Amino acid sequence: MERKKGDLLLSWQKKPVGLYLGGIEYYNFKRSTVVSTTLKYLKVSFYTEDSFKGVDLRGVILRGANLRGANLEGVNLLGANLYYAGLEGANLTGANLKGVNLRGANLSGANLTGAKLTRADLDGANLRGANLRGADLTVADLDGAYLGGAKLRGADLRVAALAHANLTRADLTRADLGGAKLRGANLEGANLEGANLEGADLGLANLSYIKYDESTVWPEGFKP
C-alpha cells in the first residue's frame, strides 16, 4: 500500500513511532518551517514548507513541541496531546481540536478562527491576543487561561470552564457564554455587546469597565 504524507509510522509491534513526511520532493528548504519536539531520550526536528496543513494527526503526541508560526490550517488533531506546546502565531484556522490536551500551551497570537475546540483542555494556556472568532469552545476547560485581548467575537463558549481566567479587554461581542463558569474571572474592559450570559456563573468576577448594550443577556437576577 502506498504511503502518504501524514501517515503514522508503526514499529514491528504496531506502535506509532512517528509521522511519514514524504520524500525530499515534498520540501523546499529555502522556504521551510522548523518543527521540533522532544521525546524521552532524543529531540526530533524536521523541516517542511507547508507544515501540517490539512494533515490527519488524530491522537498524535506532541508534548512540548515547538510549532511556532506553523501552518496547521484545517488539520485534524482530534484527541491529540499538545501539552505545553509552543504554538505562538500558528495558523489553526478551521482546525479540529476536539478533546485536545493543550494544558499550559502557548497560543499567543495564534489564528484559531472557526476552530473546533469542544471539550479541549486549555487549563492555564496562554491565548493572549489569539483570534478565536467563530470558534467552538463548548464545554472546553479554560480555567486559569490567559485570554487578554483575545478576539472571541461570535465564539461558542456554552458551559465552558473559565474560572479565574484572564479575559481583560477580550472581544466577546455576540459570543455565547450560556452556562459558562466564570467565577473569579477577570473581564475588566471586555466587550460583551450582544453576548449571551444566560445561566453563567459570574460570582466574584471582575466586570470593571466592561462594554455591553441592550442586547446583552445576563443571568437571571444579575445586574451589572
C-alpha atoms as a PDB file:
ATOM      1  CA  MET A   1       0.000   0.000   0.000  1.00  0.00           C
ATOM      2  CA  GLU A   2       1.334   3.413  -0.971  1.00  0.00           C
ATOM      3  CA  ARG A   3       2.372   5.563   1.941  1.00  0.00           C
ATOM      4  CA  LYS A   4       1.034   9.117   2.067  1.00  0.00           C
ATOM      5  CA  LYS A   5       2.473  12.187   3.771  1.00  0.00           C
ATOM      6  CA  GLY A   6       0.989  12.450   7.258  1.00  0.00           C
ATOM      7  CA  ASP A   7       0.592   8.677   7.737  1.00  0.00           C
ATOM      8  CA  LEU A   8       1.705   7.298  11.092  1.00  0.00           C
ATOM      9  CA  LEU A   9       4.815   5.138  11.029  1.00  0.00           C
ATOM     10  CA  LEU A  10       4.464   1.932  13.045  1.00  0.00           C
ATOM     11  CA  SER A  11       7.032  -0.262  14.723  1.00  0.00           C
ATOM     12  CA  TRP A  12       7.040  -4.042  14.318  1.00  0.00           C
ATOM     13  CA  GLN A  13       4.791  -4.100  17.406  1.00  0.00           C
ATOM     14  CA  LYS A  14       2.300  -1.862  15.563  1.00  0.00           C
ATOM     15  CA  LYS A  15       3.039   1.038  17.893  1.00  0.00           C
ATOM     16  CA  PRO A  16       3.242   4.593  16.459  1.00  0.00           C
ATOM     17  CA  VAL A  17       6.833   5.798  16.234  1.00  0.00           C
ATOM     18  CA  GLY A  18       6.492   8.875  14.038  1.00  0.00           C
ATOM     19  CA  LEU A  19       4.886  10.509  11.047  1.00  0.00           C
ATOM     20  CA  TYR A  20       5.701   9.962   7.390  1.00  0.00           C
ATOM     21  CA  LEU A  21       6.507  13.400   5.998  1.00  0.00           C
ATOM     22  CA  GLY A  22       7.102  12.346   2.430  1.00  0.00           C
ATOM     23  CA  GLY A  23      10.182  12.188   0.231  1.00  0.00           C
ATOM     24  CA  ILE A  24      12.622  15.009  -0.405  1.00  0.00           C
ATOM     25  CA  GLU A  25      10.500  16.185  -3.341  1.00  0.00           C
ATOM     26  CA  TYR A  26       7.865  17.485  -0.913  1.00  0.00           C
ATOM     27  CA  TYR A  27      10.062  20.175   0.540  1.00  0.00           C
ATOM     28  CA  ASN A  28      11.597  23.469  -0.437  1.00  0.00           C
ATOM     29  CA  PHE A  29      14.307  24.228   2.100  1.00  0.00           C
ATOM     30  CA  LYS A  30      14.539  27.853   1.009  1.00  0.00           C
ATOM     31  CA  ARG A  31      11.051  28.476   2.419  1.00  0.00           C
ATOM     32  CA  SER A  32      10.897  25.964   5.225  1.00  0.00           C
ATOM     33  CA  THR A  33       9.477  25.940   8.730  1.00  0.00           C
ATOM     34  CA  VAL A  34      11.343  24.249  11.553  1.00  0.00           C
ATOM     35  CA  VAL A  35       9.204  21.893  13.606  1.00  0.00           C
ATOM     36  CA  SER A  36      10.719  20.125  16.584  1.00  0.00           C
ATOM     37  CA  THR A  37       9.630  18.010  19.509  1.00  0.00           C
ATOM     38  CA  THR A  38      11.498  16.464  22.424  1.00  0.00           C
ATOM     39  CA  LEU A  39      10.914  12.771  23.040  1.00  0.00           C
ATOM     40  CA  LYS A  40      12.009  10.867  26.121  1.00  0.00           C
ATOM     41  CA  TYR A  41      15.585  10.302  25.017  1.00  0.00           C
ATOM     42  CA  LEU A  42      16.053  12.483  21.940  1.00  0.00           C
ATOM     43  CA  LYS A  43      14.894  15.601  20.169  1.00  0.00           C
ATOM     44  CA  VAL A  44      13.434  15.217  16.696  1.00  0.00           C
ATOM     45  CA  SER A  45      13.497  18.141  14.261  1.00  0.00           C
ATOM     46  CA  PHE A  46      12.385  18.335  10.662  1.00  0.00           C
ATOM     47  CA  TYR A  47      11.851  20.978   8.026  1.00  0.00           C
ATOM     48  CA  THR A  48       8.715  21.363   5.955  1.00  0.00           C
ATOM     49  CA  GLU A  49       7.494  24.040   3.572  1.00  0.00           C
ATOM     50  CA  ASP A  50       3.792  23.751   4.274  1.00  0.00           C
ATOM     51  CA  SER A  51       3.972  22.178   7.748  1.00  0.00           C
ATOM     52  CA  PHE A  52       0.920  20.043   8.606  1.00  0.00           C
ATOM     53  CA  LYS A  53      -1.700  21.863   6.524  1.00  0.00           C
ATOM     54  CA  GLY A  54      -4.739  19.600   6.148  1.00  0.00           C
ATOM     55  CA  VAL A  55      -2.943  16.561   7.594  1.00  0.00           C
ATOM     56  CA  ASP A  56      -4.751  13.955   9.733  1.00  0.00           C
ATOM     57  CA  LEU A  57      -2.950  13.956  13.105  1.00  0.00           C
ATOM     58  CA  ARG A  58      -5.614  12.379  15.274  1.00  0.00           C
ATOM     59  CA  GLY A  59      -4.263  11.253  18.638  1.00  0.00           C
ATOM     60  CA  VAL A  60      -0.687  12.333  17.892  1.00  0.00           C
ATOM     61  CA  ILE A  61       1.573  13.078  20.888  1.00  0.00           C
ATOM     62  CA  LEU A  62       3.416  16.394  20.528  1.00  0.00           C
ATOM     63  CA  ARG A  63       4.054  17.289  24.168  1.00  0.00           C
ATOM     64  CA  GLY A  64       6.216  20.401  24.369  1.00  0.00           C
ATOM     65  CA  ALA A  65       6.595  20.549  20.579  1.00  0.00           C
ATOM     66  CA  ASN A  66       7.859  23.783  19.002  1.00  0.00           C
ATOM     67  CA  LEU A  67       5.254  24.696  16.380  1.00  0.00           C
ATOM     68  CA  ARG A  68       5.683  28.466  16.417  1.00  0.00           C
ATOM     69  CA  GLY A  69       4.185  30.022  13.301  1.00  0.00           C
ATOM     70  CA  ALA A  70       3.328  26.609  11.837  1.00  0.00           C
ATOM     71  CA  ASN A  71       0.591  26.335   9.223  1.00  0.00           C
ATOM     72  CA  LEU A  72      -1.943  23.915  10.712  1.00  0.00           C
ATOM     73  CA  GLU A  73      -4.930  25.174   8.765  1.00  0.00           C
ATOM     74  CA  GLY A  74      -7.709  22.578   8.641  1.00  0.00           C
ATOM     75  CA  VAL A  75      -5.577  19.949  10.400  1.00  0.00           C
ATOM     76  CA  ASN A  76      -7.348  17.136  12.263  1.00  0.00           C
ATOM     77  CA  LEU A  77      -5.854  16.916  15.776  1.00  0.00           C
ATOM     78  CA  LEU A  78      -8.785  15.145  17.398  1.00  0.00           C
ATOM     79  CA  GLY A  79      -7.705  13.875  20.834  1.00  0.00           C
ATOM     80  CA  ALA A  80      -4.063  14.899  20.311  1.00  0.00           C
ATOM     81  CA  ASN A  81      -1.664  15.684  23.166  1.00  0.00           C
ATOM     82  CA  LEU A  82      -0.106  19.153  22.809  1.00  0.00           C
ATOM     83  CA  TYR A  83       0.652  19.670  26.487  1.00  0.00           C
ATOM     84  CA  TYR A  84       2.836  22.779  26.899  1.00  0.00           C
ATOM     85  CA  ALA A  85       3.367  23.002  23.134  1.00  0.00           C
ATOM     86  CA  GLY A  86       4.654  26.254  21.630  1.00  0.00           C
ATOM     87  CA  LEU A  87       2.074  27.416  19.084  1.00  0.00           C
ATOM     88  CA  GLU A  88       2.706  31.157  19.112  1.00  0.00           C
ATOM     89  CA  GLY A  89       1.422  32.736  15.910  1.00  0.00           C
ATOM     90  CA  ALA A  90       0.384  29.348  14.490  1.00  0.00           C
ATOM     91  CA  ASN A  91      -2.370  29.169  11.872  1.00  0.00           C
ATOM     92  CA  LEU A  92      -5.064  26.800  13.178  1.00  0.00           C
ATOM     93  CA  THR A  93      -7.929  28.195  11.103  1.00  0.00           C
ATOM     94  CA  GLY A  94     -10.759  25.649  10.922  1.00  0.00           C
ATOM     95  CA  ALA A  95      -8.677  23.006  12.718  1.00  0.00           C
ATOM     96  CA  ASN A  96     -10.337  20.097  14.537  1.00  0.00           C
ATOM     97  CA  LEU A  97      -9.055  20.357  18.113  1.00  0.00           C
ATOM     98  CA  LYS A  98     -11.859  18.489  19.838  1.00  0.00           C
ATOM     99  CA  GLY A  99     -10.719  16.907  23.089  1.00  0.00           C
ATOM    100  CA  VAL A 100      -7.115  18.055  22.552  1.00  0.00           C
ATOM    101  CA  ASN A 101      -4.801  18.418  25.556  1.00  0.00           C
ATOM    102  CA  LEU A 102      -3.459  21.980  25.345  1.00  0.00           C
ATOM    103  CA  ARG A 103      -2.789  22.469  29.052  1.00  0.00           C
ATOM    104  CA  GLY A 104      -0.167  25.170  29.509  1.00  0.00           C
ATOM    105  CA  ALA A 105       0.272  25.566  25.747  1.00  0.00           C
ATOM    106  CA  ASN A 106       1.369  28.917  24.322  1.00  0.00           C
ATOM    107  CA  LEU A 107      -1.137  30.026  21.670  1.00  0.00           C
ATOM    108  CA  SER A 108      -0.463  33.737  21.911  1.00  0.00           C
ATOM    109  CA  GLY A 109      -1.281  35.462  18.635  1.00  0.00           C
ATOM    110  CA  ALA A 110      -2.456  32.193  17.076  1.00  0.00           C
ATOM    111  CA  ASN A 111      -5.226  32.189  14.469  1.00  0.00           C
ATOM    112  CA  LEU A 112      -7.989  29.821  15.622  1.00  0.00           C
ATOM    113  CA  THR A 113     -10.790  31.300  13.535  1.00  0.00           C
ATOM    114  CA  GLY A 114     -13.597  28.758  13.225  1.00  0.00           C
ATOM    115  CA  ALA A 115     -11.582  26.087  15.048  1.00  0.00           C
ATOM    116  CA  LYS A 116     -13.433  23.251  16.790  1.00  0.00           C
ATOM    117  CA  LEU A 117     -12.286  23.091  20.427  1.00  0.00           C
ATOM    118  CA  THR A 118     -15.181  21.220  22.002  1.00  0.00           C
ATOM    119  CA  ARG A 119     -14.073  19.663  25.319  1.00  0.00           C
ATOM    120  CA  ALA A 120     -10.481  20.777  24.705  1.00  0.00           C
ATOM    121  CA  ASP A 121      -8.270  21.111  27.792  1.00  0.00           C
ATOM    122  CA  LEU A 122      -6.796  24.623  27.770  1.00  0.00           C
ATOM    123  CA  ASP A 123      -6.244  24.897  31.504  1.00  0.00           C
ATOM    124  CA  GLY A 124      -3.578  27.544  32.087  1.00  0.00           C
ATOM    125  CA  ALA A 125      -2.982  28.053  28.360  1.00  0.00           C
ATOM    126  CA  ASN A 126      -1.714  31.383  27.005  1.00  0.00           C
ATOM    127  CA  LEU A 127      -4.125  32.742  24.369  1.00  0.00           C
ATOM    128  CA  ARG A 128      -3.065  36.370  24.583  1.00  0.00           C
ATOM    129  CA  GLY A 129      -4.288  38.218  21.502  1.00  0.00           C
ATOM    130  CA  ALA A 130      -5.366  34.968  19.819  1.00  0.00           C
ATOM    131  CA  ASN A 131      -8.033  35.100  17.108  1.00  0.00           C
ATOM    132  CA  LEU A 132     -10.888  32.793  18.143  1.00  0.00           C
ATOM    133  CA  ARG A 133     -13.658  34.360  16.082  1.00  0.00           C
ATOM    134  CA  GLY A 134     -16.447  31.870  15.496  1.00  0.00           C
ATOM    135  CA  ALA A 135     -14.540  29.116  17.328  1.00  0.00           C
ATOM    136  CA  ASP A 136     -16.454  26.307  19.044  1.00  0.00           C
ATOM    137  CA  LEU A 137     -15.303  26.142  22.672  1.00  0.00           C
ATOM    138  CA  THR A 138     -18.346  24.395  24.125  1.00  0.00           C
ATOM    139  CA  VAL A 139     -17.552  22.557  27.372  1.00  0.00           C
ATOM    140  CA  ALA A 140     -13.870  23.475  26.948  1.00  0.00           C
ATOM    141  CA  ASP A 141     -11.680  23.768  30.049  1.00  0.00           C
ATOM    142  CA  LEU A 142     -10.169  27.261  30.138  1.00  0.00           C
ATOM    143  CA  ASP A 143      -9.714  27.527  33.891  1.00  0.00           C
ATOM    144  CA  GLY A 144      -6.868  29.926  34.614  1.00  0.00           C
ATOM    145  CA  ALA A 145      -6.239  30.538  30.921  1.00  0.00           C
ATOM    146  CA  TYR A 146      -4.877  33.902  29.758  1.00  0.00           C
ATOM    147  CA  LEU A 147      -7.148  35.422  27.089  1.00  0.00           C
ATOM    148  CA  GLY A 148      -6.178  39.060  27.436  1.00  0.00           C
ATOM    149  CA  GLY A 149      -7.034  40.911  24.216  1.00  0.00           C
ATOM    150  CA  ALA A 150      -8.288  37.723  22.567  1.00  0.00           C
ATOM    151  CA  LYS A 151     -10.765  38.037  19.693  1.00  0.00           C
ATOM    152  CA  LEU A 152     -13.771  35.879  20.630  1.00  0.00           C
ATOM    153  CA  ARG A 153     -16.418  37.599  18.529  1.00  0.00           C
ATOM    154  CA  GLY A 154     -19.230  35.129  17.835  1.00  0.00           C
ATOM    155  CA  ALA A 155     -17.423  32.295  19.639  1.00  0.00           C
ATOM    156  CA  ASP A 156     -19.437  29.480  21.232  1.00  0.00           C
ATOM    157  CA  LEU A 157     -18.415  29.165  24.887  1.00  0.00           C
ATOM    158  CA  ARG A 158     -21.505  27.464  26.252  1.00  0.00           C
ATOM    159  CA  VAL A 159     -20.825  25.626  29.530  1.00  0.00           C
ATOM    160  CA  ALA A 160     -17.103  26.374  29.171  1.00  0.00           C
ATOM    161  CA  ALA A 161     -14.995  26.402  32.349  1.00  0.00           C
ATOM    162  CA  LEU A 162     -13.416  29.846  32.692  1.00  0.00           C
ATOM    163  CA  ALA A 163     -12.865  30.072  36.444  1.00  0.00           C
ATOM    164  CA  HIS A 164     -10.134  32.621  37.219  1.00  0.00           C
ATOM    165  CA  ALA A 165      -9.449  33.089  33.518  1.00  0.00           C
ATOM    166  CA  ASN A 166      -7.994  36.422  32.409  1.00  0.00           C
ATOM    167  CA  LEU A 167     -10.256  37.996  29.772  1.00  0.00           C
ATOM    168  CA  THR A 168      -9.122  41.602  30.131  1.00  0.00           C
ATOM    169  CA  ARG A 169     -10.022  43.648  27.042  1.00  0.00           C
ATOM    170  CA  ALA A 170     -11.190  40.495  25.240  1.00  0.00           C
ATOM    171  CA  ASP A 171     -13.675  40.969  22.393  1.00  0.00           C
ATOM    172  CA  LEU A 172     -16.691  38.816  23.299  1.00  0.00           C
ATOM    173  CA  THR A 173     -19.124  40.608  21.006  1.00  0.00           C
ATOM    174  CA  ARG A 174     -22.071  38.296  20.269  1.00  0.00           C
ATOM    175  CA  ALA A 175     -20.275  35.394  21.972  1.00  0.00           C
ATOM    176  CA  ASP A 176     -22.447  32.675  23.520  1.00  0.00           C
ATOM    177  CA  LEU A 177     -21.435  32.191  27.166  1.00  0.00           C
ATOM    178  CA  GLY A 178     -24.630  30.461  28.233  1.00  0.00           C
ATOM    179  CA  GLY A 179     -23.988  28.403  31.344  1.00  0.00           C
ATOM    180  CA  ALA A 180     -20.270  29.272  31.327  1.00  0.00           C
ATOM    181  CA  LYS A 181     -18.420  29.062  34.635  1.00  0.00           C
ATOM    182  CA  LEU A 182     -16.757  32.476  35.032  1.00  0.00           C
ATOM    183  CA  ARG A 183     -16.331  32.501  38.805  1.00  0.00           C
ATOM    184  CA  GLY A 184     -13.384  34.697  39.723  1.00  0.00           C
ATOM    185  CA  ALA A 185     -12.641  35.542  36.082  1.00  0.00           C
ATOM    186  CA  ASN A 186     -11.142  38.905  35.175  1.00  0.00           C
ATOM    187  CA  LEU A 187     -13.275  40.568  32.481  1.00  0.00           C
ATOM    188  CA  GLU A 188     -12.018  44.097  33.002  1.00  0.00           C
ATOM    189  CA  GLY A 189     -12.534  46.159  29.843  1.00  0.00           C
ATOM    190  CA  ALA A 190     -14.029  43.217  27.916  1.00  0.00           C
ATOM    191  CA  ASN A 191     -16.588  43.858  25.167  1.00  0.00           C
ATOM    192  CA  LEU A 192     -19.811  41.950  25.921  1.00  0.00           C
ATOM    193  CA  GLU A 193     -22.081  43.735  23.464  1.00  0.00           C
ATOM    194  CA  GLY A 194     -24.701  41.284  22.210  1.00  0.00           C
ATOM    195  CA  ALA A 195     -23.181  38.452  24.269  1.00  0.00           C
ATOM    196  CA  ASN A 196     -25.325  35.749  25.859  1.00  0.00           C
ATOM    197  CA  LEU A 197     -24.522  35.061  29.527  1.00  0.00           C
ATOM    198  CA  GLU A 198     -27.775  33.355  30.437  1.00  0.00           C
ATOM    199  CA  GLY A 199     -27.153  30.889  33.263  1.00  0.00           C
ATOM    200  CA  ALA A 200     -23.479  31.862  33.527  1.00  0.00           C
ATOM    201  CA  ASP A 201     -21.735  31.865  36.918  1.00  0.00           C
ATOM    202  CA  LEU A 202     -20.274  35.362  37.412  1.00  0.00           C
ATOM    203  CA  GLY A 203     -19.564  35.028  41.117  1.00  0.00           C
ATOM    204  CA  LEU A 204     -16.542  37.126  42.166  1.00  0.00           C
ATOM    205  CA  ALA A 205     -15.857  38.014  38.521  1.00  0.00           C
ATOM    206  CA  ASN A 206     -14.251  41.392  37.795  1.00  0.00           C
ATOM    207  CA  LEU A 207     -16.582  43.290  35.444  1.00  0.00           C
ATOM    208  CA  SER A 208     -14.947  46.700  35.727  1.00  0.00           C
ATOM    209  CA  TYR A 209     -15.183  48.899  32.629  1.00  0.00           C
ATOM    210  CA  ILE A 210     -16.934  46.236  30.544  1.00  0.00           C
ATOM    211  CA  LYS A 211     -18.859  47.226  27.415  1.00  0.00           C
ATOM    212  CA  TYR A 212     -22.411  45.920  26.994  1.00  0.00           C
ATOM    213  CA  ASP A 213     -25.667  47.007  25.390  1.00  0.00           C
ATOM    214  CA  GLU A 214     -29.384  46.309  25.462  1.00  0.00           C
ATOM    215  CA  SER A 215     -28.891  43.048  23.564  1.00  0.00           C
ATOM    216  CA  THR A 216     -26.512  41.601  26.171  1.00  0.00           C
ATOM    217  CA  VAL A 217     -28.269  38.758  28.014  1.00  0.00           C
ATOM    218  CA  TRP A 218     -27.375  38.453  31.711  1.00  0.00           C
ATOM    219  CA  PRO A 219     -28.026  35.625  34.181  1.00  0.00           C
ATOM    220  CA  GLU A 220     -31.448  35.832  35.803  1.00  0.00           C
ATOM    221  CA  GLY A 221     -31.478  38.450  38.554  1.00  0.00           C
ATOM    222  CA  PHE A 222     -27.988  39.732  37.684  1.00  0.00           C
ATOM    223  CA  LYS A 223     -27.397  43.472  37.324  1.00  0.00           C
ATOM    224  CA  PRO A 224     -24.002  44.665  36.017  1.00  0.00           C
END
